């Protein structure tokens, strides 16, 4: 665990939760299997070497989650705003079955809303017969066709749905729905705005 204020935030959360469930330090130490001095150290900011396994065990003993004991993420906003300049944009190549399938341009993210993942996606395959469905993903997904025409396929093997999306079309995909995009046959590429949340 990080030094400084992170350890102090954890110390406060641990102490507050222990007191909330009416457990003294000795009882918690016995349940976790550490000396009471270790609990005292953790509750005064000395948890700099706490492992994830130990943190999980503490959460179990205190009937809570790791997230409830973990310190809040450091604020990465400037008075409520975070700006990402073009040169700060990460670009990731998406490869499926050995072919360059997508290029992901990672847009601004914030620890304030960690589940939000905005991307501009270059769709590089322009043959719907080469569509490769993903396995779906945990987040909701909003998409908007920025350029070109997109062929979308979604569903499960044996029940694949298709549609053609024109520039300006928007859509929503529920979590864990397998899907894939290709550019219209013979057009080269297309571009999407995708926001996962």
Protein backbone atom coordinates (compact mmCIF):
# COMPACT_ATOMS: atom_id res chain seq x y z
CA UNK A 1 0.00 0.00 0.00
CA UNK A 2 1.28 3.50 -0.80
CA UNK A 3 2.88 5.72 1.78
CA UNK A 4 1.47 8.88 3.34
CA UNK A 5 -2.13 9.95 3.09
CA UNK A 6 -3.22 6.70 1.41
CA UNK A 7 -2.12 4.68 4.44
CA UNK A 8 -3.81 7.20 6.75
CA UNK A 9 -7.07 6.99 4.78
CA UNK A 10 -6.94 3.21 5.06
CA UNK A 11 -6.17 3.49 8.80
CA UNK A 12 -9.27 5.65 9.34
CA UNK A 13 -11.51 3.34 7.30
CA UNK A 14 -10.23 0.22 9.06
CA UNK A 15 -10.64 1.72 12.53
CA UNK A 16 -14.13 3.08 11.71
CA UNK A 17 -15.31 -0.27 10.32
CA UNK A 18 -13.86 -2.23 13.25
CA UNK A 19 -15.64 0.08 15.69
CA UNK A 20 -18.85 -0.04 13.65
CA UNK A 21 -19.03 -3.83 13.96
CA UNK A 22 -18.21 -3.56 17.69
CA UNK A 23 -14.92 -5.45 17.46
CA UNK A 24 -11.89 -4.59 19.58
CA UNK A 25 -8.35 -4.76 18.20
CA UNK A 26 -7.51 -8.01 19.96
CA UNK A 27 -10.56 -9.77 18.49
CA UNK A 28 -9.75 -8.51 15.00
CA UNK A 29 -6.11 -9.54 15.39
CA UNK A 30 -7.16 -13.05 16.42
CA UNK A 31 -9.62 -13.38 13.54
CA UNK A 32 -7.05 -12.19 10.99
CA UNK A 33 -4.20 -14.17 12.55
CA UNK A 34 -1.80 -11.33 13.29
CA UNK A 35 -0.48 -9.86 16.54
CA UNK A 36 -2.55 -7.02 18.01
CA UNK A 37 0.44 -4.71 17.40
CA UNK A 38 -0.04 -5.21 13.66
CA UNK A 39 -3.67 -4.05 13.90
CA UNK A 40 -2.51 -1.05 15.95
CA UNK A 41 0.06 -0.24 13.27
CA UNK A 42 -2.50 -0.57 10.46
CA UNK A 43 -4.90 1.74 12.33
CA UNK A 44 -2.24 4.43 12.76
CA UNK A 45 -1.04 4.54 9.15
CA UNK A 46 1.53 1.76 9.20
CA UNK A 47 -0.16 -0.46 6.58
CA UNK A 48 2.40 0.31 3.89
CA UNK A 49 3.20 -3.37 3.32
CA UNK A 50 -0.34 -4.77 3.48
CA UNK A 51 -0.94 -7.33 0.71
CA UNK A 52 -4.11 -7.68 -1.34
CA UNK A 53 -4.66 -11.09 0.25
CA UNK A 54 -4.45 -9.58 3.74
CA UNK A 55 -6.77 -6.74 2.72
CA UNK A 56 -9.29 -9.26 1.38
CA UNK A 57 -9.09 -11.27 4.60
CA UNK A 58 -9.65 -8.11 6.67
CA UNK A 59 -12.69 -7.23 4.56
CA UNK A 60 -14.12 -10.73 5.05
CA UNK A 61 -13.61 -10.64 8.82
CA UNK A 62 -15.22 -7.19 9.00
CA UNK A 63 -18.12 -8.20 6.69
CA UNK A 64 -17.34 -5.52 4.16
CA UNK A 65 -15.60 -5.19 0.79
CA UNK A 66 -12.07 -4.30 -0.18
CA UNK A 67 -13.54 -1.24 -1.91
CA UNK A 68 -15.00 0.02 1.36
CA UNK A 69 -11.63 -0.28 3.12
CA UNK A 70 -9.56 1.06 0.24
CA UNK A 71 -8.60 4.73 0.18
CA UNK A 72 -10.37 6.95 -2.31
CA UNK A 73 -8.56 7.54 -5.59
CA UNK A 74 -6.56 10.75 -5.74
CA UNK A 75 -8.49 13.57 -7.39
CA UNK A 76 -7.27 14.02 -10.96
CA UNK A 77 -9.57 16.94 -11.80
CA UNK A 78 -8.84 20.66 -11.88
CA UNK A 79 -11.90 22.23 -10.29
CA UNK A 80 -14.08 19.50 -11.78
CA UNK A 81 -12.42 19.30 -15.21
CA UNK A 82 -9.78 17.05 -16.75
CA UNK A 83 -8.29 17.92 -20.14
CA UNK A 84 -6.34 15.55 -22.35
CA UNK A 85 -4.28 17.14 -25.11
CA UNK A 86 -3.89 15.28 -28.44
CA UNK A 87 -0.28 14.35 -27.67
CA UNK A 88 -1.39 12.61 -24.45
CA UNK A 89 -3.74 10.26 -26.28
CA UNK A 90 -2.81 6.57 -26.08
CA UNK A 91 -3.31 4.60 -29.30
CA UNK A 92 -3.85 0.83 -29.10
CA UNK A 93 -3.97 -1.59 -32.00
CA UNK A 94 -6.81 -4.11 -31.74
CA UNK A 95 -5.89 -7.39 -33.40
CA UNK A 96 -8.33 -10.27 -33.94
CA UNK A 97 -7.33 -13.58 -35.47
CA UNK A 98 -4.01 -12.10 -36.54
CA UNK A 99 -5.45 -9.16 -38.49
CA UNK A 100 -5.43 -5.46 -37.62
CA UNK A 101 -9.09 -5.05 -36.78
CA UNK A 102 -9.46 -1.77 -34.88
CA UNK A 103 -7.29 1.14 -33.83
CA UNK A 104 -8.40 2.54 -30.46
CA UNK A 105 -7.70 6.21 -29.73
CA UNK A 106 -8.09 6.51 -25.94
CA UNK A 107 -9.87 9.71 -24.94
CA UNK A 108 -9.79 11.45 -21.57
CA UNK A 109 -10.45 9.30 -18.51
CA UNK A 110 -10.77 10.19 -14.85
CA UNK A 111 -10.40 8.35 -11.56
CA UNK A 112 -13.59 10.18 -10.56
CA UNK A 113 -15.55 7.96 -13.00
CA UNK A 114 -13.28 4.94 -13.52
CA UNK A 115 -15.94 2.90 -15.32
CA UNK A 116 -16.16 5.48 -18.14
CA UNK A 117 -13.85 4.53 -21.04
CA UNK A 118 -14.28 6.81 -24.08
CA UNK A 119 -12.63 5.85 -27.36
CA UNK A 120 -12.52 6.82 -31.01
CA UNK A 121 -12.35 3.54 -32.92
CA UNK A 122 -10.98 3.22 -36.44
CA UNK A 123 -12.71 0.19 -37.97
CA UNK A 124 -10.06 -1.26 -40.28
CA UNK A 125 -11.75 -4.35 -41.75
CA UNK A 126 -14.14 -3.68 -44.64
CA UNK A 127 -15.45 -7.18 -45.25
CA UNK A 128 -18.44 -8.31 -43.13
CA UNK A 129 -17.46 -11.94 -43.80
CA UNK A 130 -14.32 -11.29 -41.75
CA UNK A 131 -16.27 -10.03 -38.75
CA UNK A 132 -14.98 -11.51 -35.47
CA UNK A 133 -17.36 -11.13 -32.54
CA UNK A 134 -15.87 -10.24 -29.18
CA UNK A 135 -17.11 -12.01 -26.08
CA UNK A 136 -18.96 -8.92 -24.91
CA UNK A 137 -17.67 -6.91 -21.96
CA UNK A 138 -18.79 -5.95 -18.49
CA UNK A 139 -19.72 -2.34 -19.23
CA UNK A 140 -22.58 -0.72 -21.04
CA UNK A 141 -21.57 0.77 -24.37
CA UNK A 142 -22.81 3.81 -26.25
CA UNK A 143 -21.62 4.20 -29.86
CA UNK A 144 -21.92 6.87 -32.53
CA UNK A 145 -20.85 6.46 -36.17
CA UNK A 146 -18.54 9.38 -36.91
CA UNK A 147 -17.50 8.49 -40.48
CA UNK A 148 -18.47 5.93 -43.09
CA UNK A 149 -20.95 3.09 -42.92
CA UNK A 150 -20.67 0.28 -40.40
CA UNK A 151 -21.90 -3.29 -40.57
CA UNK A 152 -22.65 -4.54 -37.06
CA UNK A 153 -23.12 -8.14 -36.02
CA UNK A 154 -24.24 -9.14 -32.53
CA UNK A 155 -25.68 -12.03 -30.63
CA UNK A 156 -24.75 -15.63 -29.97
CA UNK A 157 -23.67 -18.34 -32.43
CA UNK A 158 -26.77 -19.60 -34.19
CA UNK A 159 -28.63 -16.33 -33.49
CA UNK A 160 -26.49 -13.58 -35.06
CA UNK A 161 -28.22 -10.28 -35.84
CA UNK A 162 -26.97 -7.72 -38.37
CA UNK A 163 -27.60 -4.09 -39.25
CA UNK A 164 -26.04 -1.36 -41.38
CA UNK A 165 -25.29 1.89 -39.53
CA UNK A 166 -25.01 5.15 -41.45
CA UNK A 167 -22.90 8.14 -40.38
CA UNK A 168 -24.73 9.83 -37.51
CA UNK A 169 -26.33 6.63 -36.21
CA UNK A 170 -26.07 5.99 -32.47
CA UNK A 171 -26.63 2.78 -30.59
CA UNK A 172 -26.45 1.18 -27.17
CA UNK A 173 -25.09 -2.30 -26.38
CA UNK A 174 -25.98 -4.05 -23.14
CA UNK A 175 -23.19 -5.66 -21.07
CA UNK A 176 -21.97 -9.10 -22.21
CA UNK A 177 -23.60 -8.94 -25.66
CA UNK A 178 -21.07 -10.25 -28.20
CA UNK A 179 -20.64 -7.83 -31.09
CA UNK A 180 -18.38 -6.77 -33.94
CA UNK A 181 -18.11 -3.91 -36.40
CA UNK A 182 -16.73 -3.85 -39.92
CA UNK A 183 -16.70 -1.01 -42.42
CA UNK A 184 -19.03 -1.27 -45.41
CA UNK A 185 -17.71 -3.72 -48.02
CA UNK A 186 -14.86 -2.20 -50.05
CA UNK A 187 -14.82 1.22 -48.33
CA UNK A 188 -11.51 0.76 -46.50
CA UNK A 189 -12.42 1.98 -43.03
CA UNK A 190 -14.93 3.78 -40.84
CA UNK A 191 -14.84 5.56 -37.49
CA UNK A 192 -16.87 5.23 -34.28
CA UNK A 193 -17.10 7.09 -31.02
CA UNK A 194 -17.48 4.49 -28.25
CA UNK A 195 -18.13 5.23 -24.59
CA UNK A 196 -18.03 2.27 -22.22
CA UNK A 197 -19.51 2.87 -18.77
